[in-house]
Each structure stands twice: as structure tokens, then as C-alpha cells.
N, C-alpha and C. Protein backbone atom coordinates (compact mmCIF):
# COMPACT_ATOMS: atom_id res chain seq x y z
N MET A 1 -74.77 115.07 -21.65
CA MET A 1 -74.93 114.75 -20.25
C MET A 1 -75.61 113.38 -20.15
N ARG A 2 -75.12 112.55 -19.25
CA ARG A 2 -75.69 111.22 -19.06
C ARG A 2 -77.13 111.33 -18.56
N ARG A 3 -77.95 110.34 -18.93
CA ARG A 3 -79.36 110.34 -18.52
C ARG A 3 -79.50 110.38 -17.00
N ALA A 4 -78.68 109.63 -16.27
CA ALA A 4 -78.77 109.64 -14.81
C ALA A 4 -78.48 111.03 -14.25
N ALA A 5 -77.53 111.71 -14.85
CA ALA A 5 -77.21 113.06 -14.39
C ALA A 5 -78.36 114.02 -14.67
N VAL A 6 -79.00 113.87 -15.82
CA VAL A 6 -80.15 114.71 -16.15
C VAL A 6 -81.27 114.44 -15.16
N ARG A 7 -81.56 113.16 -14.88
CA ARG A 7 -82.62 112.80 -13.95
C ARG A 7 -82.34 113.39 -12.57
N GLN A 8 -81.09 113.32 -12.13
CA GLN A 8 -80.74 113.87 -10.81
C GLN A 8 -80.90 115.38 -10.78
N ARG A 9 -80.55 116.05 -11.87
CA ARG A 9 -80.73 117.50 -11.93
C ARG A 9 -82.21 117.85 -11.77
N TYR A 10 -83.08 117.12 -12.46
CA TYR A 10 -84.52 117.36 -12.32
C TYR A 10 -84.98 117.05 -10.91
N ALA A 11 -84.46 115.97 -10.32
CA ALA A 11 -84.85 115.61 -8.96
C ALA A 11 -84.48 116.73 -8.00
N ASN A 12 -83.27 117.23 -8.09
CA ASN A 12 -82.85 118.28 -7.17
C ASN A 12 -83.72 119.52 -7.30
N LYS A 13 -84.03 119.92 -8.53
CA LYS A 13 -84.88 121.09 -8.73
C LYS A 13 -86.31 120.83 -8.28
N THR A 14 -86.79 119.63 -8.54
CA THR A 14 -88.14 119.28 -8.10
C THR A 14 -88.23 119.33 -6.58
N TYR A 15 -87.25 118.72 -5.91
CA TYR A 15 -87.22 118.76 -4.45
C TYR A 15 -87.16 120.19 -3.94
N GLU A 16 -86.32 120.99 -4.57
CA GLU A 16 -86.18 122.38 -4.14
C GLU A 16 -87.49 123.14 -4.28
N ALA A 17 -88.14 122.99 -5.43
CA ALA A 17 -89.40 123.71 -5.67
C ALA A 17 -90.49 123.26 -4.71
N GLU A 18 -90.63 121.95 -4.52
CA GLU A 18 -91.71 121.48 -3.65
C GLU A 18 -91.45 121.85 -2.19
N ARG A 19 -90.23 121.72 -1.74
CA ARG A 19 -89.95 122.05 -0.34
C ARG A 19 -90.15 123.54 -0.08
N GLU A 20 -89.71 124.36 -1.02
CA GLU A 20 -89.91 125.80 -0.86
C GLU A 20 -91.40 126.14 -0.85
N TYR A 21 -92.15 125.52 -1.75
CA TYR A 21 -93.58 125.80 -1.81
C TYR A 21 -94.30 125.35 -0.53
N TRP A 22 -94.11 124.09 -0.15
CA TRP A 22 -94.83 123.57 1.01
C TRP A 22 -94.39 124.27 2.30
N ALA A 23 -93.15 124.69 2.39
CA ALA A 23 -92.69 125.40 3.59
C ALA A 23 -93.39 126.75 3.74
N GLY A 24 -93.87 127.31 2.64
CA GLY A 24 -94.56 128.59 2.68
C GLY A 24 -96.04 128.48 3.03
N ILE A 25 -96.52 127.25 3.13
CA ILE A 25 -97.93 127.01 3.47
C ILE A 25 -98.01 126.90 5.00
N PRO A 26 -99.06 127.43 5.62
CA PRO A 26 -99.16 127.33 7.08
C PRO A 26 -99.05 125.88 7.56
N VAL A 27 -98.40 125.70 8.68
CA VAL A 27 -98.14 124.36 9.21
C VAL A 27 -99.43 123.60 9.51
N GLU A 28 -100.51 124.30 9.77
CA GLU A 28 -101.77 123.62 10.07
C GLU A 28 -102.55 123.23 8.81
N HIS A 29 -102.04 123.57 7.63
CA HIS A 29 -102.69 123.20 6.37
C HIS A 29 -102.75 121.68 6.25
N PRO A 30 -103.84 121.13 5.72
CA PRO A 30 -103.96 119.67 5.60
C PRO A 30 -102.81 118.99 4.83
N ALA A 31 -102.25 119.65 3.86
CA ALA A 31 -101.15 119.05 3.09
C ALA A 31 -99.88 118.90 3.93
N ARG A 32 -99.75 119.70 4.96
CA ARG A 32 -98.57 119.64 5.82
C ARG A 32 -98.80 118.80 7.07
N ARG A 33 -100.00 118.31 7.23
CA ARG A 33 -100.34 117.49 8.39
C ARG A 33 -99.64 116.14 8.30
N GLN A 34 -99.11 115.68 9.41
CA GLN A 34 -98.49 114.36 9.46
C GLN A 34 -99.59 113.31 9.35
N VAL A 35 -99.33 112.30 8.54
CA VAL A 35 -100.33 111.25 8.33
C VAL A 35 -99.83 109.92 8.86
N THR A 36 -100.78 109.13 9.29
CA THR A 36 -100.47 107.77 9.71
C THR A 36 -100.38 106.89 8.46
N VAL A 37 -99.90 105.69 8.63
CA VAL A 37 -99.87 104.75 7.51
C VAL A 37 -101.29 104.49 7.02
N ALA A 38 -102.24 104.32 7.94
CA ALA A 38 -103.63 104.06 7.55
C ALA A 38 -104.22 105.23 6.76
N GLU A 39 -103.93 106.46 7.18
CA GLU A 39 -104.43 107.63 6.44
C GLU A 39 -103.79 107.71 5.05
N ALA A 40 -102.50 107.44 4.99
CA ALA A 40 -101.81 107.44 3.69
C ALA A 40 -102.38 106.34 2.80
N GLN A 41 -102.69 105.20 3.37
CA GLN A 41 -103.25 104.09 2.60
C GLN A 41 -104.59 104.46 1.99
N GLU A 42 -105.41 105.20 2.72
CA GLU A 42 -106.70 105.64 2.18
C GLU A 42 -106.50 106.50 0.93
N VAL A 43 -105.53 107.40 0.97
CA VAL A 43 -105.24 108.25 -0.19
C VAL A 43 -104.74 107.39 -1.34
N VAL A 44 -103.82 106.51 -1.07
CA VAL A 44 -103.25 105.65 -2.11
C VAL A 44 -104.33 104.77 -2.73
N ASP A 45 -105.23 104.24 -1.91
CA ASP A 45 -106.30 103.38 -2.44
C ASP A 45 -107.20 104.10 -3.43
N ARG A 46 -107.37 105.41 -3.26
CA ARG A 46 -108.20 106.18 -4.20
C ARG A 46 -107.56 106.30 -5.57
N HIS A 47 -106.25 106.24 -5.64
CA HIS A 47 -105.56 106.51 -6.90
C HIS A 47 -104.75 105.33 -7.44
N ALA A 48 -104.36 104.43 -6.58
CA ALA A 48 -103.52 103.29 -7.00
C ALA A 48 -103.93 102.04 -6.23
N PRO A 49 -105.14 101.53 -6.51
CA PRO A 49 -105.57 100.31 -5.81
C PRO A 49 -104.53 99.20 -6.00
N GLY A 50 -104.32 98.45 -4.93
CA GLY A 50 -103.34 97.37 -4.99
C GLY A 50 -101.98 97.76 -4.46
N TRP A 51 -101.74 99.04 -4.31
CA TRP A 51 -100.48 99.50 -3.74
C TRP A 51 -100.61 99.53 -2.22
N ALA A 52 -99.53 99.26 -1.55
CA ALA A 52 -99.52 99.25 -0.08
C ALA A 52 -98.63 100.38 0.45
N VAL A 53 -99.01 100.89 1.60
CA VAL A 53 -98.19 101.89 2.30
C VAL A 53 -97.65 101.22 3.55
N VAL A 54 -96.35 101.37 3.76
CA VAL A 54 -95.71 100.81 4.95
C VAL A 54 -94.86 101.88 5.62
N ARG A 55 -94.64 101.70 6.90
CA ARG A 55 -93.79 102.63 7.65
C ARG A 55 -92.34 102.18 7.51
N GLY A 56 -91.50 103.11 7.17
CA GLY A 56 -90.08 102.82 7.04
C GLY A 56 -89.28 103.62 8.04
N ARG A 57 -88.00 103.60 7.82
CA ARG A 57 -87.10 104.39 8.67
C ARG A 57 -87.03 105.80 8.14
N GLY A 58 -86.36 106.63 8.89
CA GLY A 58 -86.17 108.00 8.43
C GLY A 58 -87.20 108.93 9.04
N PHE A 59 -87.01 110.18 8.77
CA PHE A 59 -87.84 111.22 9.35
C PHE A 59 -88.37 112.07 8.21
N GLY A 60 -89.63 111.96 7.93
CA GLY A 60 -90.22 112.76 6.87
C GLY A 60 -89.72 112.38 5.49
N SER A 61 -89.45 111.09 5.30
CA SER A 61 -88.94 110.63 4.02
C SER A 61 -89.94 109.68 3.38
N GLY A 62 -89.73 109.39 2.11
CA GLY A 62 -90.60 108.46 1.41
C GLY A 62 -89.87 107.79 0.27
N HIS A 63 -90.45 106.69 -0.18
CA HIS A 63 -89.86 105.94 -1.29
C HIS A 63 -90.97 105.17 -1.99
N CYS A 64 -90.90 105.12 -3.31
CA CYS A 64 -91.84 104.36 -4.12
C CYS A 64 -91.10 103.16 -4.70
N ASN A 65 -91.61 101.97 -4.47
CA ASN A 65 -90.99 100.75 -4.99
C ASN A 65 -91.97 100.08 -5.94
N PRO A 66 -91.82 100.31 -7.26
CA PRO A 66 -92.77 99.74 -8.22
C PRO A 66 -92.71 98.22 -8.32
N ARG A 67 -91.57 97.62 -8.01
CA ARG A 67 -91.46 96.15 -8.07
C ARG A 67 -92.38 95.48 -7.07
N ASP A 68 -92.56 96.10 -5.92
CA ASP A 68 -93.41 95.54 -4.86
C ASP A 68 -94.75 96.26 -4.73
N SER A 69 -95.00 97.25 -5.59
CA SER A 69 -96.21 98.08 -5.48
C SER A 69 -96.38 98.57 -4.05
N ARG A 70 -95.30 99.21 -3.57
CA ARG A 70 -95.27 99.64 -2.18
C ARG A 70 -94.71 101.06 -2.07
N ILE A 71 -95.34 101.85 -1.23
CA ILE A 71 -94.86 103.19 -0.88
C ILE A 71 -94.46 103.14 0.58
N THR A 72 -93.24 103.55 0.86
CA THR A 72 -92.72 103.57 2.22
C THR A 72 -92.65 105.02 2.67
N ILE A 73 -93.18 105.29 3.86
CA ILE A 73 -93.09 106.64 4.42
C ILE A 73 -92.40 106.57 5.77
N GLY A 74 -91.54 107.54 6.02
CA GLY A 74 -90.86 107.62 7.31
C GLY A 74 -91.73 108.31 8.33
N GLY A 75 -91.26 108.34 9.55
CA GLY A 75 -91.99 109.04 10.60
C GLY A 75 -92.13 110.51 10.27
N MET A 76 -93.22 111.11 10.70
CA MET A 76 -93.49 112.53 10.49
C MET A 76 -93.74 112.86 9.02
N ALA A 77 -94.17 111.90 8.22
CA ALA A 77 -94.46 112.15 6.81
C ALA A 77 -95.74 112.98 6.68
N CYS A 78 -95.67 113.99 5.84
CA CYS A 78 -96.82 114.84 5.58
C CYS A 78 -97.59 114.32 4.36
N LEU A 79 -98.82 114.78 4.22
CA LEU A 79 -99.64 114.38 3.09
C LEU A 79 -98.95 114.70 1.77
N TRP A 80 -98.30 115.87 1.67
CA TRP A 80 -97.68 116.22 0.39
C TRP A 80 -96.59 115.21 0.02
N LEU A 81 -95.90 114.65 1.00
CA LEU A 81 -94.88 113.65 0.71
C LEU A 81 -95.52 112.37 0.19
N VAL A 82 -96.65 111.99 0.76
CA VAL A 82 -97.38 110.82 0.26
C VAL A 82 -97.80 111.06 -1.19
N LEU A 83 -98.28 112.25 -1.50
CA LEU A 83 -98.68 112.57 -2.87
C LEU A 83 -97.49 112.54 -3.83
N HIS A 84 -96.33 112.97 -3.36
CA HIS A 84 -95.11 112.91 -4.17
C HIS A 84 -94.82 111.45 -4.54
N GLU A 85 -94.82 110.57 -3.55
CA GLU A 85 -94.53 109.15 -3.82
C GLU A 85 -95.63 108.51 -4.65
N LEU A 86 -96.86 108.90 -4.40
CA LEU A 86 -97.98 108.38 -5.19
C LEU A 86 -97.87 108.81 -6.65
N ALA A 87 -97.33 109.99 -6.89
CA ALA A 87 -97.11 110.43 -8.27
C ALA A 87 -96.15 109.50 -8.99
N HIS A 88 -95.13 109.04 -8.29
CA HIS A 88 -94.23 108.05 -8.90
C HIS A 88 -95.01 106.79 -9.26
N ALA A 89 -95.85 106.34 -8.33
CA ALA A 89 -96.59 105.10 -8.54
C ALA A 89 -97.59 105.19 -9.68
N THR A 90 -98.12 106.37 -9.94
CA THR A 90 -99.19 106.52 -10.93
C THR A 90 -98.79 107.27 -12.19
N THR A 91 -97.51 107.57 -12.34
CA THR A 91 -97.06 108.17 -13.60
C THR A 91 -97.31 107.13 -14.70
N PRO A 92 -97.86 107.54 -15.83
CA PRO A 92 -98.26 106.58 -16.86
C PRO A 92 -97.13 105.62 -17.28
N ALA A 93 -97.56 104.41 -17.60
CA ALA A 93 -96.61 103.38 -18.06
C ALA A 93 -95.83 103.89 -19.26
N GLY A 94 -94.58 103.54 -19.30
CA GLY A 94 -93.71 103.96 -20.40
C GLY A 94 -92.99 105.27 -20.14
N GLU A 95 -93.44 106.00 -19.13
CA GLU A 95 -92.78 107.26 -18.77
C GLU A 95 -91.70 106.97 -17.73
N PRO A 96 -90.67 107.79 -17.67
CA PRO A 96 -89.62 107.56 -16.67
C PRO A 96 -90.16 107.68 -15.25
N MET A 97 -89.55 106.97 -14.33
CA MET A 97 -89.96 107.00 -12.93
C MET A 97 -89.30 108.15 -12.17
N GLY A 98 -88.58 109.00 -12.86
CA GLY A 98 -87.85 110.08 -12.21
C GLY A 98 -88.74 111.26 -11.85
N HIS A 99 -88.17 112.44 -11.91
CA HIS A 99 -88.84 113.67 -11.49
C HIS A 99 -89.02 114.63 -12.66
N ASP A 100 -89.20 114.13 -13.86
CA ASP A 100 -89.32 115.02 -15.00
C ASP A 100 -90.77 115.37 -15.29
N ARG A 101 -91.04 115.88 -16.50
CA ARG A 101 -92.34 116.47 -16.82
C ARG A 101 -93.55 115.59 -16.48
N PRO A 102 -93.58 114.33 -16.90
CA PRO A 102 -94.77 113.51 -16.59
C PRO A 102 -94.99 113.36 -15.08
N PHE A 103 -93.91 113.22 -14.34
CA PHE A 103 -94.04 113.11 -12.88
C PHE A 103 -94.63 114.39 -12.31
N ARG A 104 -94.08 115.55 -12.70
CA ARG A 104 -94.57 116.82 -12.15
C ARG A 104 -96.04 117.06 -12.51
N ALA A 105 -96.42 116.65 -13.71
CA ALA A 105 -97.82 116.80 -14.11
C ALA A 105 -98.72 115.91 -13.26
N ARG A 106 -98.30 114.68 -13.03
CA ARG A 106 -99.09 113.76 -12.22
C ARG A 106 -99.15 114.22 -10.76
N TYR A 107 -98.03 114.68 -10.25
CA TYR A 107 -97.95 115.18 -8.88
C TYR A 107 -98.93 116.34 -8.69
N SER A 108 -98.92 117.30 -9.60
CA SER A 108 -99.82 118.45 -9.46
C SER A 108 -101.28 118.02 -9.60
N ALA A 109 -101.56 117.03 -10.44
CA ALA A 109 -102.94 116.53 -10.58
C ALA A 109 -103.40 115.87 -9.27
N LEU A 110 -102.52 115.13 -8.61
CA LEU A 110 -102.87 114.52 -7.33
C LEU A 110 -103.08 115.57 -6.25
N VAL A 111 -102.24 116.60 -6.25
CA VAL A 111 -102.42 117.69 -5.28
C VAL A 111 -103.77 118.36 -5.54
N ARG A 112 -104.11 118.58 -6.79
CA ARG A 112 -105.40 119.20 -7.14
C ARG A 112 -106.56 118.34 -6.61
N ALA A 113 -106.47 117.03 -6.79
CA ALA A 113 -107.55 116.13 -6.39
C ALA A 113 -107.66 115.99 -4.87
N GLU A 114 -106.55 115.95 -4.19
CA GLU A 114 -106.56 115.66 -2.75
C GLU A 114 -106.51 116.90 -1.86
N VAL A 115 -105.94 117.97 -2.36
CA VAL A 115 -105.74 119.15 -1.50
C VAL A 115 -106.50 120.36 -2.05
N GLY A 116 -106.41 120.63 -3.34
CA GLY A 116 -107.14 121.75 -3.91
C GLY A 116 -106.44 122.39 -5.09
N ALA A 117 -107.21 123.15 -5.84
CA ALA A 117 -106.70 123.80 -7.04
C ALA A 117 -105.66 124.87 -6.72
N ALA A 118 -105.89 125.65 -5.67
CA ALA A 118 -104.94 126.72 -5.33
C ALA A 118 -103.57 126.14 -5.01
N GLU A 119 -103.54 125.03 -4.29
CA GLU A 119 -102.27 124.41 -3.93
C GLU A 119 -101.60 123.80 -5.15
N ALA A 120 -102.37 123.19 -6.02
CA ALA A 120 -101.80 122.62 -7.25
C ALA A 120 -101.21 123.72 -8.12
N ASP A 121 -101.94 124.83 -8.26
CA ASP A 121 -101.44 125.95 -9.05
C ASP A 121 -100.19 126.55 -8.42
N GLY A 122 -100.16 126.63 -7.09
CA GLY A 122 -98.97 127.14 -6.41
C GLY A 122 -97.77 126.25 -6.61
N LEU A 123 -97.98 124.94 -6.58
CA LEU A 123 -96.89 124.00 -6.82
C LEU A 123 -96.38 124.13 -8.25
N LEU A 124 -97.30 124.23 -9.20
CA LEU A 124 -96.89 124.42 -10.60
C LEU A 124 -96.09 125.70 -10.77
N ALA A 125 -96.50 126.76 -10.09
CA ALA A 125 -95.77 128.02 -10.17
C ALA A 125 -94.37 127.88 -9.57
N ALA A 126 -94.25 127.09 -8.50
CA ALA A 126 -92.93 126.85 -7.89
C ALA A 126 -92.03 126.09 -8.87
N PHE A 127 -92.59 125.10 -9.56
CA PHE A 127 -91.82 124.37 -10.58
C PHE A 127 -91.39 125.33 -11.69
N ALA A 128 -92.32 126.12 -12.17
CA ALA A 128 -92.00 127.06 -13.26
C ALA A 128 -90.97 128.08 -12.82
N GLY A 129 -91.02 128.48 -11.55
CA GLY A 129 -90.06 129.45 -11.04
C GLY A 129 -88.61 128.95 -11.09
N LEU A 130 -88.44 127.64 -11.13
CA LEU A 130 -87.10 127.06 -11.25
C LEU A 130 -86.85 126.54 -12.66
N GLY A 131 -87.70 126.92 -13.58
CA GLY A 131 -87.50 126.54 -14.97
C GLY A 131 -87.92 125.12 -15.29
N LEU A 132 -88.75 124.51 -14.45
CA LEU A 132 -89.21 123.14 -14.67
C LEU A 132 -90.56 123.17 -15.36
N ALA A 133 -90.64 122.56 -16.52
CA ALA A 133 -91.89 122.53 -17.27
C ALA A 133 -92.77 121.38 -16.80
N VAL A 134 -94.06 121.55 -17.00
CA VAL A 134 -95.03 120.47 -16.77
C VAL A 134 -95.90 120.36 -18.02
N ASP A 135 -96.56 119.23 -18.14
CA ASP A 135 -97.45 119.04 -19.30
C ASP A 135 -98.73 119.79 -19.13
């Protein structure tokens, strides 16, 4: 299987696991709260100084651009989406920028730091439930 196809398979499963997990959390939970660009920037500054958060198009979407050290979030972006994009930005150098093991490990570590251990453990369980390993 081509590397791009493998990466996409992991992305689809990662998206499925995270969306299923976060949808099961009460809507008033801090991780599901919509954040402003300024609020997202505060979170990013704690973990990736020098990175910028900007508002983009779309609804509840995000993108990490390592060439510009920029995270773009769409309208109605929740904290968990910012953490997802921040995981891309802070996955260790030399690791793929996709959605595989190092990304999932970094993502869960950021959730643990910003939201809590129970949520990080729940996210890890959601990944494991779809056969996705983490470090």
C-alpha cells in the first residue's frame, strides 16, 4: 500500500475516533467550547511559542501549516480541534506530520495538559477501540 494511502487510512480512523469521543462529552465541557482566535493563541503559546493562530474559512475546521508556523481555525472551532492542530505543530521533528502513532501520542498528551487526564484516557481508549496504537 502506498504511504499516502496508509496515512489517509490513519487520518480517517483518527478523525472517526476523536469525533465519536468528543461527541459523547457534554456540550458544555471546556473541550467542546468554541474558542476565539485569541483564546486559541493562548493555548498555542503554552506549547508552541512562535506559532500563530488565524481565523480561516469553514465551519469547525482547522489546518496546521508548518511552513508558516501557523494554525488556522474555522468558525465555531472547539478547543479539542485546536489541540488536534497543535499536535501536528508539536509532533517531534523527524516524525511524519500525519495522523499516526506519534501524532496520537502528542495529541493525547496535549489533551491531558489542557483538559485533563480523564479526557486524555478516554481519547486513547477511542483510538484503541478502532485499532489505533499510541506510544
